[in-house]
Amino acid sequence: ERSMLTQPRDREAVCHASAWNVNDEDDVR
């Protein structure tokens, strides 16, 4: 639901690949 897997068409984004754990628990993206 929360990962960005493709380049957005409507805005600028950093495309450089990275892996996140937003809450240091299970909110991985």
mmCIF file of all heavy atoms, coordinates in Angstrom:
data_MODEL
# 
_entry.id   MODEL 
# 
loop_
_atom_site.group_PDB 
_atom_site.id 
_atom_site.type_symbol 
_atom_site.label_atom_id 
_atom_site.label_alt_id 
_atom_site.label_comp_id 
_atom_site.label_asym_id 
_atom_site.label_entity_id 
_atom_site.label_seq_id 
_atom_site.pdbx_PDB_ins_code 
_atom_site.Cartn_x 
_atom_site.Cartn_y 
_atom_site.Cartn_z 
_atom_site.occupancy 
_atom_site.B_iso_or_equiv 
_atom_site.pdbx_formal_charge 
_atom_site.auth_seq_id 
_atom_site.auth_comp_id 
_atom_site.auth_asym_id 
_atom_site.auth_atom_id 
_atom_site.pdbx_PDB_model_num 
ATOM 1   N N   . GLU A 1 1  ? 0.823  -1.210 0.000   1.00 0.00 ? 1  GLU A N   1 
ATOM 2   C CA  . GLU A 1 1  ? 0.000  0.000  0.000   1.00 0.00 ? 1  GLU A CA  1 
ATOM 3   C C   . GLU A 1 1  ? 0.859  1.264  0.000   1.00 0.00 ? 1  GLU A C   1 
ATOM 4   O O   . GLU A 1 1  ? 0.464  2.286  -0.577  1.00 0.00 ? 1  GLU A O   1 
ATOM 5   C CB  . GLU A 1 1  ? -0.898 0.007  1.245   1.00 0.00 ? 1  GLU A CB  1 
ATOM 6   C CG  . GLU A 1 1  ? -1.924 -1.125 1.274   1.00 0.00 ? 1  GLU A CG  1 
ATOM 7   C CD  . GLU A 1 1  ? -2.523 -1.321 2.671   1.00 0.00 ? 1  GLU A CD  1 
ATOM 8   O OE1 . GLU A 1 1  ? -2.135 -0.561 3.594   1.00 0.00 ? 1  GLU A OE1 1 
ATOM 9   O OE2 . GLU A 1 1  ? -3.345 -2.241 2.830   1.00 0.00 ? 1  GLU A OE2 1 
ATOM 10  N N   . ARG A 1 2  ? 2.048  1.207  0.626   1.00 0.00 ? 2  ARG A N   1 
ATOM 11  C CA  . ARG A 1 2  ? 2.798  2.430  0.897   1.00 0.00 ? 2  ARG A CA  1 
ATOM 12  C C   . ARG A 1 2  ? 4.090  2.576  0.118   1.00 0.00 ? 2  ARG A C   1 
ATOM 13  O O   . ARG A 1 2  ? 4.656  3.668  0.061   1.00 0.00 ? 2  ARG A O   1 
ATOM 14  C CB  . ARG A 1 2  ? 3.099  2.510  2.406   1.00 0.00 ? 2  ARG A CB  1 
ATOM 15  C CG  . ARG A 1 2  ? 1.837  2.549  3.243   1.00 0.00 ? 2  ARG A CG  1 
ATOM 16  C CD  . ARG A 1 2  ? 2.122  2.399  4.735   1.00 0.00 ? 2  ARG A CD  1 
ATOM 17  N NE  . ARG A 1 2  ? 0.883  2.372  5.509   1.00 0.00 ? 2  ARG A NE  1 
ATOM 18  C CZ  . ARG A 1 2  ? 0.817  2.129  6.821   1.00 0.00 ? 2  ARG A CZ  1 
ATOM 19  N NH1 . ARG A 1 2  ? 1.940  1.918  7.509   1.00 0.00 ? 2  ARG A NH1 1 
ATOM 20  N NH2 . ARG A 1 2  ? -0.350 2.120  7.436   1.00 0.00 ? 2  ARG A NH2 1 
ATOM 21  N N   . SER A 1 3  ? 4.597  1.505  -0.482  1.00 0.00 ? 3  SER A N   1 
ATOM 22  C CA  . SER A 1 3  ? 5.841  1.612  -1.250  1.00 0.00 ? 3  SER A CA  1 
ATOM 23  C C   . SER A 1 3  ? 5.636  2.454  -2.500  1.00 0.00 ? 3  SER A C   1 
ATOM 24  O O   . SER A 1 3  ? 4.524  2.537  -3.042  1.00 0.00 ? 3  SER A O   1 
ATOM 25  C CB  . SER A 1 3  ? 6.342  0.221  -1.655  1.00 0.00 ? 3  SER A CB  1 
ATOM 26  O OG  . SER A 1 3  ? 6.820  -0.503 -0.543  1.00 0.00 ? 3  SER A OG  1 
ATOM 27  N N   . MET A 1 4  ? 6.709  3.094  -2.974  1.00 0.00 ? 4  MET A N   1 
ATOM 28  C CA  . MET A 1 4  ? 6.709  3.759  -4.279  1.00 0.00 ? 4  MET A CA  1 
ATOM 29  C C   . MET A 1 4  ? 7.506  2.871  -5.225  1.00 0.00 ? 4  MET A C   1 
ATOM 30  O O   . MET A 1 4  ? 8.731  2.824  -5.165  1.00 0.00 ? 4  MET A O   1 
ATOM 31  C CB  . MET A 1 4  ? 7.345  5.145  -4.182  1.00 0.00 ? 4  MET A CB  1 
ATOM 32  C CG  . MET A 1 4  ? 7.235  5.960  -5.472  1.00 0.00 ? 4  MET A CG  1 
ATOM 33  S SD  . MET A 1 4  ? 8.172  7.511  -5.451  1.00 0.00 ? 4  MET A SD  1 
ATOM 34  C CE  . MET A 1 4  ? 9.757  6.930  -6.097  1.00 0.00 ? 4  MET A CE  1 
ATOM 35  N N   . LEU A 1 5  ? 6.791  2.150  -6.096  1.00 0.00 ? 5  LEU A N   1 
ATOM 36  C CA  . LEU A 1 5  ? 7.441  1.188  -6.979  1.00 0.00 ? 5  LEU A CA  1 
ATOM 37  C C   . LEU A 1 5  ? 7.685  1.736  -8.382  1.00 0.00 ? 5  LEU A C   1 
ATOM 38  O O   . LEU A 1 5  ? 8.489  1.167  -9.129  1.00 0.00 ? 5  LEU A O   1 
ATOM 39  C CB  . LEU A 1 5  ? 6.602  -0.092 -7.074  1.00 0.00 ? 5  LEU A CB  1 
ATOM 40  C CG  . LEU A 1 5  ? 6.350  -0.835 -5.748  1.00 0.00 ? 5  LEU A CG  1 
ATOM 41  C CD1 . LEU A 1 5  ? 5.522  -2.093 -6.001  1.00 0.00 ? 5  LEU A CD1 1 
ATOM 42  C CD2 . LEU A 1 5  ? 7.654  -1.186 -5.054  1.00 0.00 ? 5  LEU A CD2 1 
ATOM 43  N N   . THR A 1 6  ? 6.993  2.795  -8.750  1.00 0.00 ? 6  THR A N   1 
ATOM 44  C CA  . THR A 1 6  ? 7.166  3.387  -10.079 1.00 0.00 ? 6  THR A CA  1 
ATOM 45  C C   . THR A 1 6  ? 7.310  4.898  -9.941  1.00 0.00 ? 6  THR A C   1 
ATOM 46  O O   . THR A 1 6  ? 6.925  5.490  -8.924  1.00 0.00 ? 6  THR A O   1 
ATOM 47  C CB  . THR A 1 6  ? 5.969  3.077  -10.993 1.00 0.00 ? 6  THR A CB  1 
ATOM 48  O OG1 . THR A 1 6  ? 4.758  3.554  -10.373 1.00 0.00 ? 6  THR A OG1 1 
ATOM 49  C CG2 . THR A 1 6  ? 5.838  1.573  -11.230 1.00 0.00 ? 6  THR A CG2 1 
ATOM 50  N N   . GLN A 1 7  ? 7.860  5.515  -10.963 1.00 0.00 ? 7  GLN A N   1 
ATOM 51  C CA  . GLN A 1 7  ? 8.055  6.964  -10.929 1.00 0.00 ? 7  GLN A CA  1 
ATOM 52  C C   . GLN A 1 7  ? 6.707  7.667  -11.023 1.00 0.00 ? 7  GLN A C   1 
ATOM 53  O O   . GLN A 1 7  ? 5.925  7.410  -11.936 1.00 0.00 ? 7  GLN A O   1 
ATOM 54  C CB  . GLN A 1 7  ? 8.945  7.417  -12.077 1.00 0.00 ? 7  GLN A CB  1 
ATOM 55  C CG  . GLN A 1 7  ? 9.284  8.902  -12.039 1.00 0.00 ? 7  GLN A CG  1 
ATOM 56  C CD  . GLN A 1 7  ? 10.402 9.269  -13.001 1.00 0.00 ? 7  GLN A CD  1 
ATOM 57  O OE1 . GLN A 1 7  ? 10.788 8.477  -13.826 1.00 0.00 ? 7  GLN A OE1 1 
ATOM 58  N NE2 . GLN A 1 7  ? 10.922 10.477 -12.884 1.00 0.00 ? 7  GLN A NE2 1 
ATOM 59  N N   . PRO A 1 8  ? 6.401  8.550  -10.078 1.00 0.00 ? 8  PRO A N   1 
ATOM 60  C CA  . PRO A 1 8  ? 5.124  9.282  -10.144 1.00 0.00 ? 8  PRO A CA  1 
ATOM 61  C C   . PRO A 1 8  ? 5.046  10.128 -11.417 1.00 0.00 ? 8  PRO A C   1 
ATOM 62  O O   . PRO A 1 8  ? 6.044  10.683 -11.870 1.00 0.00 ? 8  PRO A O   1 
ATOM 63  C CB  . PRO A 1 8  ? 5.167  10.161 -8.890  1.00 0.00 ? 8  PRO A CB  1 
ATOM 64  C CG  . PRO A 1 8  ? 6.154  9.513  -7.987  1.00 0.00 ? 8  PRO A CG  1 
ATOM 65  C CD  . PRO A 1 8  ? 7.184  8.901  -8.891  1.00 0.00 ? 8  PRO A CD  1 
ATOM 66  N N   . ARG A 1 9  ? 3.858  10.209 -11.960 1.00 0.00 ? 9  ARG A N   1 
ATOM 67  C CA  . ARG A 1 9  ? 3.670  10.994 -13.192 1.00 0.00 ? 9  ARG A CA  1 
ATOM 68  C C   . ARG A 1 9  ? 3.340  12.452 -12.912 1.00 0.00 ? 9  ARG A C   1 
ATOM 69  O O   . ARG A 1 9  ? 3.423  13.292 -13.805 1.00 0.00 ? 9  ARG A O   1 
ATOM 70  C CB  . ARG A 1 9  ? 2.536  10.383 -14.025 1.00 0.00 ? 9  ARG A CB  1 
ATOM 71  C CG  . ARG A 1 9  ? 2.834  8.965  -14.521 1.00 0.00 ? 9  ARG A CG  1 
ATOM 72  C CD  . ARG A 1 9  ? 1.691  8.452  -15.375 1.00 0.00 ? 9  ARG A CD  1 
ATOM 73  N NE  . ARG A 1 9  ? 1.976  7.099  -15.895 1.00 0.00 ? 9  ARG A NE  1 
ATOM 74  C CZ  . ARG A 1 9  ? 1.144  6.412  -16.672 1.00 0.00 ? 9  ARG A CZ  1 
ATOM 75  N NH1 . ARG A 1 9  ? -0.017 6.943  -17.025 1.00 0.00 ? 9  ARG A NH1 1 
ATOM 76  N NH2 . ARG A 1 9  ? 1.466  5.209  -17.091 1.00 0.00 ? 9  ARG A NH2 1 
ATOM 77  N N   . ASP A 1 10 ? 2.928  12.740 -11.676 1.00 0.00 ? 10 ASP A N   1 
ATOM 78  C CA  . ASP A 1 10 ? 2.393  14.073 -11.375 1.00 0.00 ? 10 ASP A CA  1 
ATOM 79  C C   . ASP A 1 10 ? 3.291  14.904 -10.480 1.00 0.00 ? 10 ASP A C   1 
ATOM 80  O O   . ASP A 1 10 ? 2.905  15.983 -10.041 1.00 0.00 ? 10 ASP A O   1 
ATOM 81  C CB  . ASP A 1 10 ? 1.018  13.926 -10.721 1.00 0.00 ? 10 ASP A CB  1 
ATOM 82  C CG  . ASP A 1 10 ? 1.072  13.129 -9.412  1.00 0.00 ? 10 ASP A CG  1 
ATOM 83  O OD1 . ASP A 1 10 ? 2.076  12.424 -9.202  1.00 0.00 ? 10 ASP A OD1 1 
ATOM 84  O OD2 . ASP A 1 10 ? 0.112  13.216 -8.627  1.00 0.00 ? 10 ASP A OD2 1 
ATOM 85  N N   . ARG A 1 11 ? 4.495  14.431 -10.176 1.00 0.00 ? 11 ARG A N   1 
ATOM 86  C CA  . ARG A 1 11 ? 5.332  15.175 -9.247  1.00 0.00 ? 11 ARG A CA  1 
ATOM 87  C C   . ARG A 1 11 ? 6.771  14.687 -9.351  1.00 0.00 ? 11 ARG A C   1 
ATOM 88  O O   . ARG A 1 11 ? 7.046  13.622 -9.906  1.00 0.00 ? 11 ARG A O   1 
ATOM 89  C CB  . ARG A 1 11 ? 4.840  14.999 -7.812  1.00 0.00 ? 11 ARG A CB  1 
ATOM 90  C CG  . ARG A 1 11 ? 4.906  13.563 -7.309  1.00 0.00 ? 11 ARG A CG  1 
ATOM 91  C CD  . ARG A 1 11 ? 4.249  13.432 -5.931  1.00 0.00 ? 11 ARG A CD  1 
ATOM 92  N NE  . ARG A 1 11 ? 4.476  12.128 -5.338  1.00 0.00 ? 11 ARG A NE  1 
ATOM 93  C CZ  . ARG A 1 11 ? 3.706  11.063 -5.542  1.00 0.00 ? 11 ARG A CZ  1 
ATOM 94  N NH1 . ARG A 1 11 ? 2.659  11.157 -6.356  1.00 0.00 ? 11 ARG A NH1 1 
ATOM 95  N NH2 . ARG A 1 11 ? 3.980  9.918  -4.946  1.00 0.00 ? 11 ARG A NH2 1 
ATOM 96  N N   . GLU A 1 12 ? 7.690  15.476 -8.786  1.00 0.00 ? 12 GLU A N   1 
ATOM 97  C CA  . GLU A 1 12 ? 9.083  15.072 -8.713  1.00 0.00 ? 12 GLU A CA  1 
ATOM 98  C C   . GLU A 1 12 ? 9.300  14.181 -7.502  1.00 0.00 ? 12 GLU A C   1 
ATOM 99  O O   . GLU A 1 12 ? 8.684  14.380 -6.443  1.00 0.00 ? 12 GLU A O   1 
ATOM 100 C CB  . GLU A 1 12 ? 9.982  16.305 -8.603  1.00 0.00 ? 12 GLU A CB  1 
ATOM 101 C CG  . GLU A 1 12 ? 10.044 17.144 -9.872  1.00 0.00 ? 12 GLU A CG  1 
ATOM 102 C CD  . GLU A 1 12 ? 11.018 18.307 -9.739  1.00 0.00 ? 12 GLU A CD  1 
ATOM 103 O OE1 . GLU A 1 12 ? 11.006 18.966 -8.682  1.00 0.00 ? 12 GLU A OE1 1 
ATOM 104 O OE2 . GLU A 1 12 ? 11.792 18.550 -10.679 1.00 0.00 ? 12 GLU A OE2 1 
ATOM 105 N N   . ALA A 1 13 ? 10.169 13.191 -7.668  1.00 0.00 ? 13 ALA A N   1 
ATOM 106 C CA  . ALA A 1 13 ? 10.503 12.286 -6.580  1.00 0.00 ? 13 ALA A CA  1 
ATOM 107 C C   . ALA A 1 13 ? 11.948 11.844 -6.753  1.00 0.00 ? 13 ALA A C   1 
ATOM 108 O O   . ALA A 1 13 ? 12.515 11.910 -7.848  1.00 0.00 ? 13 ALA A O   1 
ATOM 109 C CB  . ALA A 1 13 ? 9.571  11.075 -6.567  1.00 0.00 ? 13 ALA A CB  1 
ATOM 110 N N   . VAL A 1 14 ? 12.565 11.398 -5.667  1.00 0.00 ? 14 VAL A N   1 
ATOM 111 C CA  . VAL A 1 14 ? 13.919 10.855 -5.718  1.00 0.00 ? 14 VAL A CA  1 
ATOM 112 C C   . VAL A 1 14 ? 13.811 9.392  -6.137  1.00 0.00 ? 14 VAL A C   1 
ATOM 113 O O   . VAL A 1 14 ? 13.335 8.554  -5.374  1.00 0.00 ? 14 VAL A O   1 
ATOM 114 C CB  . VAL A 1 14 ? 14.626 10.972 -4.353  1.00 0.00 ? 14 VAL A CB  1 
ATOM 115 C CG1 . VAL A 1 14 ? 16.031 10.371 -4.428  1.00 0.00 ? 14 VAL A CG1 1 
ATOM 116 C CG2 . VAL A 1 14 ? 14.687 12.427 -3.905  1.00 0.00 ? 14 VAL A CG2 1 
ATOM 117 N N   . CYS A 1 15 ? 14.243 9.087  -7.354  1.00 0.00 ? 15 CYS A N   1 
ATOM 118 C CA  . CYS A 1 15 ? 14.100 7.727  -7.872  1.00 0.00 ? 15 CYS A CA  1 
ATOM 119 C C   . CYS A 1 15 ? 15.183 6.775  -7.363  1.00 0.00 ? 15 CYS A C   1 
ATOM 120 O O   . CYS A 1 15 ? 15.051 5.559  -7.517  1.00 0.00 ? 15 CYS A O   1 
ATOM 121 C CB  . CYS A 1 15 ? 14.110 7.737  -9.405  1.00 0.00 ? 15 CYS A CB  1 
ATOM 122 S SG  . CYS A 1 15 ? 12.485 8.102  -10.124 1.00 0.00 ? 15 CYS A SG  1 
ATOM 123 N N   . HIS A 1 16 ? 16.243 7.307  -6.792  1.00 0.00 ? 16 HIS A N   1 
ATOM 124 C CA  . HIS A 1 16 ? 17.313 6.440  -6.308  1.00 0.00 ? 16 HIS A CA  1 
ATOM 125 C C   . HIS A 1 16 ? 16.725 5.402  -5.352  1.00 0.00 ? 16 HIS A C   1 
ATOM 126 O O   . HIS A 1 16 ? 16.050 5.741  -4.381  1.00 0.00 ? 16 HIS A O   1 
ATOM 127 C CB  . HIS A 1 16 ? 18.377 7.264  -5.605  1.00 0.00 ? 16 HIS A CB  1 
ATOM 128 C CG  . HIS A 1 16 ? 19.579 6.462  -5.211  1.00 0.00 ? 16 HIS A CG  1 
ATOM 129 N ND1 . HIS A 1 16 ? 20.627 6.235  -6.067  1.00 0.00 ? 16 HIS A ND1 1 
ATOM 130 C CD2 . HIS A 1 16 ? 19.878 5.808  -4.063  1.00 0.00 ? 16 HIS A CD2 1 
ATOM 131 C CE1 . HIS A 1 16 ? 21.539 5.480  -5.458  1.00 0.00 ? 16 HIS A CE1 1 
ATOM 132 N NE2 . HIS A 1 16 ? 21.108 5.206  -4.243  1.00 0.00 ? 16 HIS A NE2 1 
ATOM 133 N N   . ALA A 1 17 ? 16.971 4.124  -5.634  1.00 0.00 ? 17 ALA A N   1 
ATOM 134 C CA  . ALA A 1 17 ? 16.346 3.045  -4.873  1.00 0.00 ? 17 ALA A CA  1 
ATOM 135 C C   . ALA A 1 17 ? 16.783 3.062  -3.413  1.00 0.00 ? 17 ALA A C   1 
ATOM 136 O O   . ALA A 1 17 ? 17.966 3.220  -3.106  1.00 0.00 ? 17 ALA A O   1 
ATOM 137 C CB  . ALA A 1 17 ? 16.680 1.697  -5.508  1.00 0.00 ? 17 ALA A CB  1 
ATOM 138 N N   . SER A 1 18 ? 15.837 2.886  -2.516  1.00 0.00 ? 18 SER A N   1 
ATOM 139 C CA  . SER A 1 18 ? 16.143 2.787  -1.086  1.00 0.00 ? 18 SER A CA  1 
ATOM 140 C C   . SER A 1 18 ? 15.066 1.963  -0.402  1.00 0.00 ? 18 SER A C   1 
ATOM 141 O O   . SER A 1 18 ? 13.941 1.850  -0.883  1.00 0.00 ? 18 SER A O   1 
ATOM 142 C CB  . SER A 1 18 ? 16.244 4.179  -0.438  1.00 0.00 ? 18 SER A CB  1 
ATOM 143 O OG  . SER A 1 18 ? 15.059 4.920  -0.624  1.00 0.00 ? 18 SER A OG  1 
ATOM 144 N N   . ALA A 1 19 ? 15.432 1.376  0.725   1.00 0.00 ? 19 ALA A N   1 
ATOM 145 C CA  . ALA A 1 19 ? 14.525 0.553  1.522   1.00 0.00 ? 19 ALA A CA  1 
ATOM 146 C C   . ALA A 1 19 ? 14.320 1.224  2.867   1.00 0.00 ? 19 ALA A C   1 
ATOM 147 O O   . ALA A 1 19 ? 15.281 1.649  3.508   1.00 0.00 ? 19 ALA A O   1 
ATOM 148 C CB  . ALA A 1 19 ? 15.105 -0.853 1.708   1.00 0.00 ? 19 ALA A CB  1 
ATOM 149 N N   . TRP A 1 20 ? 13.091 1.292  3.305   1.00 0.00 ? 20 TRP A N   1 
ATOM 150 C CA  . TRP A 1 20 ? 12.743 2.042  4.511   1.00 0.00 ? 20 TRP A CA  1 
ATOM 151 C C   . TRP A 1 20 ? 12.056 1.136  5.531   1.00 0.00 ? 20 TRP A C   1 
ATOM 152 O O   . TRP A 1 20 ? 11.313 0.223  5.163   1.00 0.00 ? 20 TRP A O   1 
ATOM 153 C CB  . TRP A 1 20 ? 11.773 3.170  4.177   1.00 0.00 ? 20 TRP A CB  1 
ATOM 154 C CG  . TRP A 1 20 ? 12.288 4.214  3.233   1.00 0.00 ? 20 TRP A CG  1 
ATOM 155 C CD1 . TRP A 1 20 ? 12.735 4.041  1.956   1.00 0.00 ? 20 TRP A CD1 1 
ATOM 156 C CD2 . TRP A 1 20 ? 12.391 5.611  3.493   1.00 0.00 ? 20 TRP A CD2 1 
ATOM 157 N NE1 . TRP A 1 20 ? 13.115 5.231  1.409   1.00 0.00 ? 20 TRP A NE1 1 
ATOM 158 C CE2 . TRP A 1 20 ? 12.900 6.225  2.323   1.00 0.00 ? 20 TRP A CE2 1 
ATOM 159 C CE3 . TRP A 1 20 ? 12.078 6.407  4.583   1.00 0.00 ? 20 TRP A CE3 1 
ATOM 160 C CZ2 . TRP A 1 20 ? 13.131 7.595  2.239   1.00 0.00 ? 20 TRP A CZ2 1 
ATOM 161 C CZ3 . TRP A 1 20 ? 12.295 7.766  4.500   1.00 0.00 ? 20 TRP A CZ3 1 
ATOM 162 C CH2 . TRP A 1 20 ? 12.821 8.361  3.333   1.00 0.00 ? 20 TRP A CH2 1 
ATOM 163 N N   . ASN A 1 21 ? 12.270 1.424  6.795   1.00 0.00 ? 21 ASN A N   1 
ATOM 164 C CA  . ASN A 1 21 ? 11.434 0.894  7.867   1.00 0.00 ? 21 ASN A CA  1 
ATOM 165 C C   . ASN A 1 21 ? 10.993 2.100  8.668   1.00 0.00 ? 21 ASN A C   1 
ATOM 166 O O   . ASN A 1 21 ? 11.706 2.584  9.543   1.00 0.00 ? 21 ASN A O   1 
ATOM 167 C CB  . ASN A 1 21 ? 12.187 -0.106 8.744   1.00 0.00 ? 21 ASN A CB  1 
ATOM 168 C CG  . ASN A 1 21 ? 11.262 -0.828 9.709   1.00 0.00 ? 21 ASN A CG  1 
ATOM 169 O OD1 . ASN A 1 21 ? 10.065 -0.559 9.742   1.00 0.00 ? 21 ASN A OD1 1 
ATOM 170 N ND2 . ASN A 1 21 ? 11.804 -1.738 10.486  1.00 0.00 ? 21 ASN A ND2 1 
ATOM 171 N N   . VAL A 1 22 ? 9.823  2.599  8.357   1.00 0.00 ? 22 VAL A N   1 
ATOM 172 C CA  . VAL A 1 22 ? 9.410  3.912  8.841   1.00 0.00 ? 22 VAL A CA  1 
ATOM 173 C C   . VAL A 1 22 ? 9.233  3.932  10.353  1.00 0.00 ? 22 VAL A C   1 
ATOM 174 O O   . VAL A 1 22 ? 9.583  4.903  11.018  1.00 0.00 ? 22 VAL A O   1 
ATOM 175 C CB  . VAL A 1 22 ? 8.121  4.370  8.119   1.00 0.00 ? 22 VAL A CB  1 
ATOM 176 C CG1 . VAL A 1 22 ? 7.562  5.643  8.729   1.00 0.00 ? 22 VAL A CG1 1 
ATOM 177 C CG2 . VAL A 1 22 ? 8.426  4.595  6.632   1.00 0.00 ? 22 VAL A CG2 1 
ATOM 178 N N   . ASN A 1 23 ? 8.688  2.847  10.924  1.00 0.00 ? 23 ASN A N   1 
ATOM 179 C CA  . ASN A 1 23 ? 8.458  2.841  12.372  1.00 0.00 ? 23 ASN A CA  1 
ATOM 180 C C   . ASN A 1 23 ? 9.426  1.928  13.126  1.00 0.00 ? 23 ASN A C   1 
ATOM 181 O O   . ASN A 1 23 ? 9.227  1.637  14.311  1.00 0.00 ? 23 ASN A O   1 
ATOM 182 C CB  . ASN A 1 23 ? 7.014  2.459  12.688  1.00 0.00 ? 23 ASN A CB  1 
ATOM 183 C CG  . ASN A 1 23 ? 6.675  1.040  12.265  1.00 0.00 ? 23 ASN A CG  1 
ATOM 184 O OD1 . ASN A 1 23 ? 7.514  0.327  11.709  1.00 0.00 ? 23 ASN A OD1 1 
ATOM 185 N ND2 . ASN A 1 23 ? 5.440  0.625  12.521  1.00 0.00 ? 23 ASN A ND2 1 
ATOM 186 N N   . ASP A 1 24 ? 10.472 1.449  12.451  1.00 0.00 ? 24 ASP A N   1 
ATOM 187 C CA  . ASP A 1 24 ? 11.446 0.542  13.048  1.00 0.00 ? 24 ASP A CA  1 
ATOM 188 C C   . ASP A 1 24 ? 10.804 -0.732 13.576  1.00 0.00 ? 24 ASP A C   1 
ATOM 189 O O   . ASP A 1 24 ? 11.371 -1.412 14.432  1.00 0.00 ? 24 ASP A O   1 
ATOM 190 C CB  . ASP A 1 24 ? 12.233 1.229  14.177  1.00 0.00 ? 24 ASP A CB  1 
ATOM 191 C CG  . ASP A 1 24 ? 13.262 2.209  13.648  1.00 0.00 ? 24 ASP A CG  1 
ATOM 192 O OD1 . ASP A 1 24 ? 13.805 1.959  12.570  1.00 0.00 ? 24 ASP A OD1 1 
ATOM 193 O OD2 . ASP A 1 24 ? 13.506 3.234  14.313  1.00 0.00 ? 24 ASP A OD2 1 
ATOM 194 N N   . GLU A 1 25 ? 9.624  -1.053 13.062  1.00 0.00 ? 25 GLU A N   1 
ATOM 195 C CA  . GLU A 1 25 ? 8.935  -2.283 13.436  1.00 0.00 ? 25 GLU A CA  1 
ATOM 196 C C   . GLU A 1 25 ? 8.599  -3.067 12.169  1.00 0.00 ? 25 GLU A C   1 
ATOM 197 O O   . GLU A 1 25 ? 9.407  -3.846 11.702  1.00 0.00 ? 25 GLU A O   1 
ATOM 198 C CB  . GLU A 1 25 ? 7.672  -1.967 14.253  1.00 0.00 ? 25 GLU A CB  1 
ATOM 199 C CG  . GLU A 1 25 ? 7.947  -1.394 15.644  1.00 0.00 ? 25 GLU A CG  1 
ATOM 200 C CD  . GLU A 1 25 ? 8.499  -2.415 16.617  1.00 0.00 ? 25 GLU A CD  1 
ATOM 201 O OE1 . GLU A 1 25 ? 8.399  -3.629 16.321  1.00 0.00 ? 25 GLU A OE1 1 
ATOM 202 O OE2 . GLU A 1 25 ? 9.034  -2.001 17.661  1.00 0.00 ? 25 GLU A OE2 1 
ATOM 203 N N   . ASP A 1 26 ? 7.415  -2.797 11.601  1.00 0.00 ? 26 ASP A N   1 
ATOM 204 C CA  . ASP A 1 26 ? 6.979  -3.587 10.454  1.00 0.00 ? 26 ASP A CA  1 
ATOM 205 C C   . ASP A 1 26 ? 6.469  -2.731 9.299   1.00 0.00 ? 26 ASP A C   1 
ATOM 206 O O   . ASP A 1 26 ? 5.902  -3.254 8.351   1.00 0.00 ? 26 ASP A O   1 
ATOM 207 C CB  . ASP A 1 26 ? 5.885  -4.570 10.891  1.00 0.00 ? 26 ASP A CB  1 
ATOM 208 C CG  . ASP A 1 26 ? 5.828  -5.806 10.002  1.00 0.00 ? 26 ASP A CG  1 
ATOM 209 O OD1 . ASP A 1 26 ? 6.899  -6.261 9.547   1.00 0.00 ? 26 ASP A OD1 1 
ATOM 210 O OD2 . ASP A 1 26 ? 4.714  -6.312 9.757   1.00 0.00 ? 26 ASP A OD2 1 
ATOM 211 N N   . ASP A 1 27 ? 6.682  -1.415 9.359   1.00 0.00 ? 27 ASP A N   1 
ATOM 212 C CA  . ASP A 1 27 ? 6.250  -0.543 8.266   1.00 0.00 ? 27 ASP A CA  1 
ATOM 213 C C   . ASP A 1 27 ? 7.383  -0.419 7.251   1.00 0.00 ? 27 ASP A C   1 
ATOM 214 O O   . ASP A 1 27 ? 7.973  0.641  7.053   1.00 0.00 ? 27 ASP A O   1 
ATOM 215 C CB  . ASP A 1 27 ? 5.848  0.827  8.802   1.00 0.00 ? 27 ASP A CB  1 
ATOM 216 C CG  . ASP A 1 27 ? 5.197  1.710  7.732   1.00 0.00 ? 27 ASP A CG  1 
ATOM 217 O OD1 . ASP A 1 27 ? 5.053  1.238  6.579   1.00 0.00 ? 27 ASP A OD1 1 
ATOM 218 O OD2 . ASP A 1 27 ? 4.827  2.855  8.057   1.00 0.00 ? 27 ASP A OD2 1 
ATOM 219 N N   . VAL A 1 28 ? 7.696  -1.550 6.597   1.00 0.00 ? 28 VAL A N   1 
ATOM 220 C CA  . VAL A 1 28 ? 8.789  -1.582 5.630   1.00 0.00 ? 28 VAL A CA  1 
ATOM 221 C C   . VAL A 1 28 ? 8.263  -1.181 4.260   1.00 0.00 ? 28 VAL A C   1 
ATOM 222 O O   . VAL A 1 28 ? 7.123  -1.464 3.891   1.00 0.00 ? 28 VAL A O   1 
ATOM 223 C CB  . VAL A 1 28 ? 9.451  -2.975 5.573   1.00 0.00 ? 28 VAL A CB  1 
ATOM 224 C CG1 . VAL A 1 28 ? 10.194 -3.263 6.861   1.00 0.00 ? 28 VAL A CG1 1 
ATOM 225 C CG2 . VAL A 1 28 ? 8.421  -4.076 5.296   1.00 0.00 ? 28 VAL A CG2 1 
ATOM 226 N N   . ARG A 1 29 ? 9.107  -0.510 3.490   1.00 0.00 ? 29 ARG A N   1 
ATOM 227 C CA  . ARG A 1 29 ? 8.734  -0.034 2.156   1.00 0.00 ? 29 ARG A CA  1 
ATOM 228 C C   . ARG A 1 29 ? 9.991  0.023  1.294   1.00 0.00 ? 29 ARG A C   1 
ATOM 229 O O   . ARG A 1 29 ? 11.102 0.118  1.821   1.00 0.00 ? 29 ARG A O   1 
ATOM 230 C CB  . ARG A 1 29 ? 8.142  1.383  2.211   1.00 0.00 ? 29 ARG A CB  1 
ATOM 231 C CG  . ARG A 1 29 ? 7.142  1.634  3.302   1.00 0.00 ? 29 ARG A CG  1 
ATOM 232 C CD  . ARG A 1 29 ? 6.735  3.103  3.355   1.00 0.00 ? 29 ARG A CD  1 
ATOM 233 N NE  . ARG A 1 29 ? 5.891  3.379  4.512   1.00 0.00 ? 29 ARG A NE  1 
ATOM 234 C CZ  . ARG A 1 29 ? 5.377  4.567  4.805   1.00 0.00 ? 29 ARG A CZ  1 
ATOM 235 N NH1 . ARG A 1 29 ? 5.627  5.608  3.991   1.00 0.00 ? 29 ARG A NH1 1 
ATOM 236 N NH2 . ARG A 1 29 ? 4.634  4.738  5.858   1.00 0.00 ? 29 ARG A NH2 1 
# 
